[in-house]
């Protein structure tokens, strides 16, 4: 894994978790629920994030639409 002098190795993960906290409904009230419920909500958000969320690098299109245009 990463060593101490390479502080930017974790930048993508930190960015994702910042987006998760901002865009999803994973809030303190969710944290008070069971772990399995929290995992379910995070899993739902990951599906949204990976399939339907607009990406600026893809011209503000979801990945599925971008793949159709590229094909």
PDB file of N, CA and C in Angstrom:
ATOM      1  N   UNK A   1       0.824  -1.185   0.000  1.00  0.00           N
ATOM      2  CA  UNK A   1       0.000   0.000   0.000  1.00  0.00           C
ATOM      3  C   UNK A   1       0.868   1.248   0.000  1.00  0.00           C
ATOM      4  N   UNK A   2       0.261   2.317   0.328  1.00  0.00           N
ATOM      5  CA  UNK A   2       0.905   3.624   0.314  1.00  0.00           C
ATOM      6  C   UNK A   2       1.904   3.766   1.461  1.00  0.00           C
ATOM      7  N   UNK A   3       2.914   4.562   1.211  1.00  0.00           N
ATOM      8  CA  UNK A   3       3.880   4.865   2.266  1.00  0.00           C
ATOM      9  C   UNK A   3       3.689   6.297   2.723  1.00  0.00           C
ATOM     10  N   UNK A   4       4.329   6.669   3.776  1.00  0.00           N
ATOM     11  CA  UNK A   4       4.134   7.987   4.382  1.00  0.00           C
ATOM     12  C   UNK A   4       4.405   9.171   3.460  1.00  0.00           C
ATOM     13  N   UNK A   5       5.445   9.182   2.649  1.00  0.00           N
ATOM     14  CA  UNK A   5       5.697  10.397   1.860  1.00  0.00           C
ATOM     15  C   UNK A   5       4.709  10.601   0.709  1.00  0.00           C
ATOM     16  N   UNK A   6       3.881   9.608   0.391  1.00  0.00           N
ATOM     17  CA  UNK A   6       2.971   9.706  -0.743  1.00  0.00           C
ATOM     18  C   UNK A   6       1.567  10.052  -0.258  1.00  0.00           C
ATOM     19  N   UNK A   7       1.369  11.293   0.092  1.00  0.00           N
ATOM     20  CA  UNK A   7       0.105  11.687   0.723  1.00  0.00           C
ATOM     21  C   UNK A   7      -1.048  11.771  -0.265  1.00  0.00           C
ATOM     22  N   UNK A   8      -0.795  11.787  -1.564  1.00  0.00           N
ATOM     23  CA  UNK A   8      -1.876  11.950  -2.536  1.00  0.00           C
ATOM     24  C   UNK A   8      -2.444  10.628  -3.027  1.00  0.00           C
ATOM     25  N   UNK A   9      -1.950   9.514  -2.537  1.00  0.00           N
ATOM     26  CA  UNK A   9      -2.460   8.217  -2.956  1.00  0.00           C
ATOM     27  C   UNK A   9      -3.929   8.040  -2.599  1.00  0.00           C
ATOM     28  N   UNK A  10      -4.374   8.679  -1.563  1.00  0.00           N
ATOM     29  CA  UNK A  10      -5.717   8.486  -1.060  1.00  0.00           C
ATOM     30  C   UNK A  10      -6.686   9.575  -1.540  1.00  0.00           C
ATOM     31  N   UNK A  11      -6.265  10.445  -2.433  1.00  0.00           N
ATOM     32  CA  UNK A  11      -7.083  11.592  -2.834  1.00  0.00           C
ATOM     33  C   UNK A  11      -8.385  11.174  -3.492  1.00  0.00           C
ATOM     34  N   UNK A  12      -8.377  10.130  -4.314  1.00  0.00           N
ATOM     35  CA  UNK A  12      -9.601   9.702  -4.990  1.00  0.00           C
ATOM     36  C   UNK A  12     -10.621   9.152  -3.994  1.00  0.00           C
ATOM     37  N   UNK A  13     -10.152   8.412  -3.033  1.00  0.00           N
ATOM     38  CA  UNK A  13     -11.049   7.848  -2.023  1.00  0.00           C
ATOM     39  C   UNK A  13     -11.630   8.959  -1.152  1.00  0.00           C
ATOM     40  N   UNK A  14     -10.798   9.906  -0.760  1.00  0.00           N
ATOM     41  CA  UNK A  14     -11.286  11.029   0.046  1.00  0.00           C
ATOM     42  C   UNK A  14     -12.307  11.841  -0.726  1.00  0.00           C
ATOM     43  N   UNK A  15     -12.084  12.027  -2.010  1.00  0.00           N
ATOM     44  CA  UNK A  15     -13.035  12.749  -2.849  1.00  0.00           C
ATOM     45  C   UNK A  15     -14.363  12.009  -2.924  1.00  0.00           C
ATOM     46  N   UNK A  16     -14.307  10.678  -3.098  1.00  0.00           N
ATOM     47  CA  UNK A  16     -15.539   9.890  -3.166  1.00  0.00           C
ATOM     48  C   UNK A  16     -16.327   9.987  -1.868  1.00  0.00           C
ATOM     49  N   UNK A  17     -15.656   9.835  -0.729  1.00  0.00           N
ATOM     50  CA  UNK A  17     -16.372   9.886   0.538  1.00  0.00           C
ATOM     51  C   UNK A  17     -16.935  11.271   0.815  1.00  0.00           C
ATOM     52  N   UNK A  18     -16.249  12.309   0.364  1.00  0.00           N
ATOM     53  CA  UNK A  18     -16.805  13.652   0.473  1.00  0.00           C
ATOM     54  C   UNK A  18     -18.079  13.782  -0.335  1.00  0.00           C
ATOM     55  N   UNK A  19     -18.075  13.215  -1.548  1.00  0.00           N
ATOM     56  CA  UNK A  19     -19.270  13.226  -2.392  1.00  0.00           C
ATOM     57  C   UNK A  19     -20.371  12.385  -1.769  1.00  0.00           C
ATOM     58  N   UNK A  20     -20.017  11.247  -1.212  1.00  0.00           N
ATOM     59  CA  UNK A  20     -21.003  10.382  -0.558  1.00  0.00           C
ATOM     60  C   UNK A  20     -21.705  11.124   0.569  1.00  0.00           C
ATOM     61  N   UNK A  21     -20.953  11.812   1.394  1.00  0.00           N
ATOM     62  CA  UNK A  21     -21.541  12.537   2.516  1.00  0.00           C
ATOM     63  C   UNK A  21     -22.402  13.701   2.052  1.00  0.00           C
ATOM     64  N   UNK A  22     -22.003  14.347   0.957  1.00  0.00           N
ATOM     65  CA  UNK A  22     -22.726  15.513   0.469  1.00  0.00           C
ATOM     66  C   UNK A  22     -23.999  15.133  -0.282  1.00  0.00           C
ATOM     67  N   UNK A  23     -23.907  14.169  -1.192  1.00  0.00           N
ATOM     68  CA  UNK A  23     -25.014  13.866  -2.090  1.00  0.00           C
ATOM     69  C   UNK A  23     -25.994  12.824  -1.572  1.00  0.00           C
ATOM     70  N   UNK A  24     -25.544  11.918  -0.769  1.00  0.00           N
ATOM     71  CA  UNK A  24     -26.442  10.854  -0.322  1.00  0.00           C
ATOM     72  C   UNK A  24     -27.142  11.261   0.964  1.00  0.00           C
ATOM     73  N   UNK A  25     -28.031  10.412   1.383  1.00  0.00           N
ATOM     74  CA  UNK A  25     -28.755  10.687   2.617  1.00  0.00           C
ATOM     75  C   UNK A  25     -28.160   9.912   3.793  1.00  0.00           C
ATOM     76  N   UNK A  26     -26.874   9.635   3.719  1.00  0.00           N
ATOM     77  CA  UNK A  26     -26.185   8.982   4.828  1.00  0.00           C
ATOM     78  C   UNK A  26     -25.821  10.076   5.823  1.00  0.00           C
ATOM     79  N   UNK A  27     -26.662  10.233   6.797  1.00  0.00           N
ATOM     80  CA  UNK A  27     -26.462  11.276   7.798  1.00  0.00           C
ATOM     81  C   UNK A  27     -26.381  10.633   9.171  1.00  0.00           C
ATOM     82  N   UNK A  28     -26.328  11.455  10.181  1.00  0.00           N
ATOM     83  CA  UNK A  28     -26.214  10.918  11.544  1.00  0.00           C
ATOM     84  C   UNK A  28     -27.400  10.043  11.914  1.00  0.00           C
ATOM     85  N   UNK A  29     -28.572  10.374  11.399  1.00  0.00           N
ATOM     86  CA  UNK A  29     -29.727   9.524  11.737  1.00  0.00           C
ATOM     87  C   UNK A  29     -29.576   8.142  11.124  1.00  0.00           C
ATOM     88  N   UNK A  30     -28.909   8.048   9.967  1.00  0.00           N
ATOM     89  CA  UNK A  30     -28.642   6.742   9.362  1.00  0.00           C
ATOM     90  C   UNK A  30     -27.587   5.990  10.171  1.00  0.00           C
ATOM     91  N   UNK A  31     -26.644   6.705  10.713  1.00  0.00           N
ATOM     92  CA  UNK A  31     -25.596   6.050  11.481  1.00  0.00           C
ATOM     93  C   UNK A  31     -26.127   5.434  12.766  1.00  0.00           C
ATOM     94  N   UNK A  32     -27.275   5.903  13.218  1.00  0.00           N
ATOM     95  CA  UNK A  32     -27.863   5.346  14.426  1.00  0.00           C
ATOM     96  C   UNK A  32     -28.634   4.065  14.132  1.00  0.00           C
ATOM     97  N   UNK A  33     -28.819   3.747  12.862  1.00  0.00           N
ATOM     98  CA  UNK A  33     -29.495   2.513  12.497  1.00  0.00           C
ATOM     99  C   UNK A  33     -28.503   1.358  12.529  1.00  0.00           C
ATOM    100  N   UNK A  34     -28.982   0.187  12.181  1.00  0.00           N
ATOM    101  CA  UNK A  34     -28.104  -0.980  12.222  1.00  0.00           C
ATOM    102  C   UNK A  34     -27.045  -0.902  11.126  1.00  0.00           C
ATOM    103  N   UNK A  35     -25.993  -1.641  11.310  1.00  0.00           N
ATOM    104  CA  UNK A  35     -24.893  -1.658  10.352  1.00  0.00           C
ATOM    105  C   UNK A  35     -25.378  -2.215   9.011  1.00  0.00           C
ATOM    106  N   UNK A  36     -26.222  -3.237   9.034  1.00  0.00           N
ATOM    107  CA  UNK A  36     -26.708  -3.822   7.784  1.00  0.00           C
ATOM    108  C   UNK A  36     -27.552  -2.824   6.998  1.00  0.00           C
ATOM    109  N   UNK A  37     -28.325  -1.989   7.670  1.00  0.00           N
ATOM    110  CA  UNK A  37     -29.113  -0.960   7.001  1.00  0.00           C
ATOM    111  C   UNK A  37     -28.205   0.090   6.386  1.00  0.00           C
ATOM    112  N   UNK A  38     -27.197   0.499   7.109  1.00  0.00           N
ATOM    113  CA  UNK A  38     -26.241   1.474   6.596  1.00  0.00           C
ATOM    114  C   UNK A  38     -25.498   0.921   5.376  1.00  0.00           C
ATOM    115  N   UNK A  39     -25.093  -0.334   5.434  1.00  0.00           N
ATOM    116  CA  UNK A  39     -24.414  -0.952   4.299  1.00  0.00           C
ATOM    117  C   UNK A  39     -25.344  -0.995   3.093  1.00  0.00           C
ATOM    118  N   UNK A  40     -26.609  -1.279   3.314  1.00  0.00           N
ATOM    119  CA  UNK A  40     -27.582  -1.303   2.220  1.00  0.00           C
ATOM    120  C   UNK A  40     -27.718   0.064   1.565  1.00  0.00           C
ATOM    121  N   UNK A  41     -27.773   1.128   2.367  1.00  0.00           N
ATOM    122  CA  UNK A  41     -27.903   2.480   1.817  1.00  0.00           C
ATOM    123  C   UNK A  41     -26.644   2.896   1.052  1.00  0.00           C
ATOM    124  N   UNK A  42     -25.490   2.543   1.568  1.00  0.00           N
ATOM    125  CA  UNK A  42     -24.242   2.869   0.870  1.00  0.00           C
ATOM    126  C   UNK A  42     -24.155   2.071  -0.430  1.00  0.00           C
ATOM    127  N   UNK A  43     -24.593   0.822  -0.421  1.00  0.00           N
ATOM    128  CA  UNK A  43     -24.605   0.006  -1.626  1.00  0.00           C
ATOM    129  C   UNK A  43     -25.524   0.612  -2.690  1.00  0.00           C
ATOM    130  N   UNK A  44     -26.694   1.084  -2.287  1.00  0.00           N
ATOM    131  CA  UNK A  44     -27.610   1.750  -3.222  1.00  0.00           C
ATOM    132  C   UNK A  44     -26.963   2.996  -3.816  1.00  0.00           C
ATOM    133  N   UNK A  45     -26.268   3.769  -2.989  1.00  0.00           N
ATOM    134  CA  UNK A  45     -25.620   4.970  -3.491  1.00  0.00           C
ATOM    135  C   UNK A  45     -24.493   4.619  -4.463  1.00  0.00           C
ATOM    136  N   UNK A  46     -23.748   3.562  -4.176  1.00  0.00           N
ATOM    137  CA  UNK A  46     -22.677   3.149  -5.088  1.00  0.00           C
ATOM    138  C   UNK A  46     -23.234   2.762  -6.448  1.00  0.00           C
ATOM    139  N   UNK A  47     -24.371   2.083  -6.462  1.00  0.00           N
ATOM    140  CA  UNK A  47     -25.002   1.742  -7.743  1.00  0.00           C
ATOM    141  C   UNK A  47     -25.398   3.006  -8.497  1.00  0.00           C
ATOM    142  N   UNK A  48     -25.982   3.976  -7.800  1.00  0.00           N
ATOM    143  CA  UNK A  48     -26.327   5.252  -8.422  1.00  0.00           C
ATOM    144  C   UNK A  48     -25.072   5.962  -8.919  1.00  0.00           C
ATOM    145  N   UNK A  49     -24.049   6.025  -8.098  1.00  0.00           N
ATOM    146  CA  UNK A  49     -22.813   6.741  -8.415  1.00  0.00           C
ATOM    147  C   UNK A  49     -22.143   6.151  -9.647  1.00  0.00           C
ATOM    148  N   UNK A  50     -22.135   4.832  -9.746  1.00  0.00           N
ATOM    149  CA  UNK A  50     -21.441   4.173 -10.845  1.00  0.00           C
ATOM    150  C   UNK A  50     -22.246   4.113 -12.132  1.00  0.00           C
ATOM    151  N   UNK A  51     -23.567   4.170 -12.063  1.00  0.00           N
ATOM    152  CA  UNK A  51     -24.383   3.969 -13.259  1.00  0.00           C
ATOM    153  C   UNK A  51     -25.086   5.217 -13.771  1.00  0.00           C
ATOM    154  N   UNK A  52     -25.584   6.065 -12.882  1.00  0.00           N
ATOM    155  CA  UNK A  52     -26.449   7.146 -13.341  1.00  0.00           C
ATOM    156  C   UNK A  52     -25.956   8.545 -13.021  1.00  0.00           C
ATOM    157  N   UNK A  53     -24.986   8.676 -12.163  1.00  0.00           N
ATOM    158  CA  UNK A  53     -24.524  10.015 -11.783  1.00  0.00           C
ATOM    159  C   UNK A  53     -23.811  10.685 -12.947  1.00  0.00           C
ATOM    160  N   UNK A  54     -24.082  11.971 -13.179  1.00  0.00           N
ATOM    161  CA  UNK A  54     -23.463  12.707 -14.266  1.00  0.00           C
ATOM    162  C   UNK A  54     -21.991  12.930 -13.967  1.00  0.00           C
ATOM    163  N   UNK A  55     -21.154  12.769 -14.995  1.00  0.00           N
ATOM    164  CA  UNK A  55     -19.718  12.942 -14.837  1.00  0.00           C
ATOM    165  C   UNK A  55     -19.247  14.098 -15.702  1.00  0.00           C
ATOM    166  N   UNK A  56     -18.528  15.027 -15.129  1.00  0.00           N
ATOM    167  CA  UNK A  56     -18.018  16.165 -15.893  1.00  0.00           C
ATOM    168  C   UNK A  56     -17.001  15.713 -16.937  1.00  0.00           C
ATOM    169  N   UNK A  57     -16.241  14.674 -16.658  1.00  0.00           N
ATOM    170  CA  UNK A  57     -15.247  14.179 -17.613  1.00  0.00           C
ATOM    171  C   UNK A  57     -15.900  13.551 -18.843  1.00  0.00           C
ATOM    172  N   UNK A  58     -17.165  13.178 -18.739  1.00  0.00           N
ATOM    173  CA  UNK A  58     -17.885  12.556 -19.856  1.00  0.00           C
ATOM    174  C   UNK A  58     -18.870  13.527 -20.491  1.00  0.00           C
ATOM    175  N   UNK A  59     -18.662  14.806 -20.313  1.00  0.00           N
ATOM    176  CA  UNK A  59     -19.565  15.794 -20.892  1.00  0.00           C
ATOM    177  C   UNK A  59     -20.884  15.872 -20.146  1.00  0.00           C
ATOM    178  N   UNK A  60     -20.846  15.679 -18.839  1.00  0.00           N
ATOM    179  CA  UNK A  60     -22.024  15.724 -17.975  1.00  0.00           C
ATOM    180  C   UNK A  60     -23.092  14.727 -18.430  1.00  0.00           C
ATOM    181  N   UNK A  61     -22.645  13.515 -18.704  1.00  0.00           N
ATOM    182  CA  UNK A  61     -23.525  12.413 -19.051  1.00  0.00           C
ATOM    183  C   UNK A  61     -23.247  11.255 -18.102  1.00  0.00           C
ATOM    184  N   UNK A  62     -24.239  10.408 -17.873  1.00  0.00           N
ATOM    185  CA  UNK A  62     -23.964   9.201 -17.094  1.00  0.00           C
ATOM    186  C   UNK A  62     -23.119   8.238 -17.933  1.00  0.00           C
ATOM    187  N   UNK A  63     -22.381   7.348 -17.312  1.00  0.00           N
ATOM    188  CA  UNK A  63     -21.516   6.429 -18.053  1.00  0.00           C
ATOM    189  C   UNK A  63     -22.255   5.582 -19.086  1.00  0.00           C
ATOM    190  N   UNK A  64     -23.474   5.155 -18.789  1.00  0.00           N
ATOM    191  CA  UNK A  64     -24.217   4.313 -19.734  1.00  0.00           C
ATOM    192  C   UNK A  64     -24.519   5.078 -21.020  1.00  0.00           C
ATOM    193  N   UNK A  65     -24.933   6.342 -20.915  1.00  0.00           N
ATOM    194  CA  UNK A  65     -25.218   7.151 -22.103  1.00  0.00           C
ATOM    195  C   UNK A  65     -23.945   7.429 -22.882  1.00  0.00           C
ATOM    196  N   UNK A  66     -22.863   7.650 -22.190  1.00  0.00           N
ATOM    197  CA  UNK A  66     -21.597   7.911 -22.866  1.00  0.00           C
ATOM    198  C   UNK A  66     -21.131   6.682 -23.649  1.00  0.00           C
ATOM    199  N   UNK A  67     -21.310   5.500 -23.073  1.00  0.00           N
ATOM    200  CA  UNK A  67     -20.934   4.260 -23.779  1.00  0.00           C
ATOM    201  C   UNK A  67     -21.757   4.066 -25.040  1.00  0.00           C
ATOM    202  N   UNK A  68     -23.060   4.425 -24.979  1.00  0.00           N
ATOM    203  CA  UNK A  68     -23.917   4.289 -26.177  1.00  0.00           C
ATOM    204  C   UNK A  68     -23.458   5.227 -27.286  1.00  0.00           C
ATOM    205  N   UNK A  69     -23.040   6.442 -26.915  1.00  0.00           N
ATOM    206  CA  UNK A  69     -22.550   7.382 -27.926  1.00  0.00           C
ATOM    207  C   UNK A  69     -21.219   6.947 -28.514  1.00  0.00           C
ATOM    208  N   UNK A  70     -20.393   6.309 -27.709  1.00  0.00           N
ATOM    209  CA  UNK A  70     -19.074   5.885 -28.163  1.00  0.00           C
ATOM    210  C   UNK A  70     -19.156   4.643 -29.060  1.00  0.00           C
ATOM    211  N   UNK A  71     -20.214   3.888 -28.916  1.00  0.00           N
ATOM    212  CA  UNK A  71     -20.345   2.637 -29.702  1.00  0.00           C
ATOM    213  C   UNK A  71     -20.814   2.865 -31.106  1.00  0.00           C
TER     214      UNK A  71
END
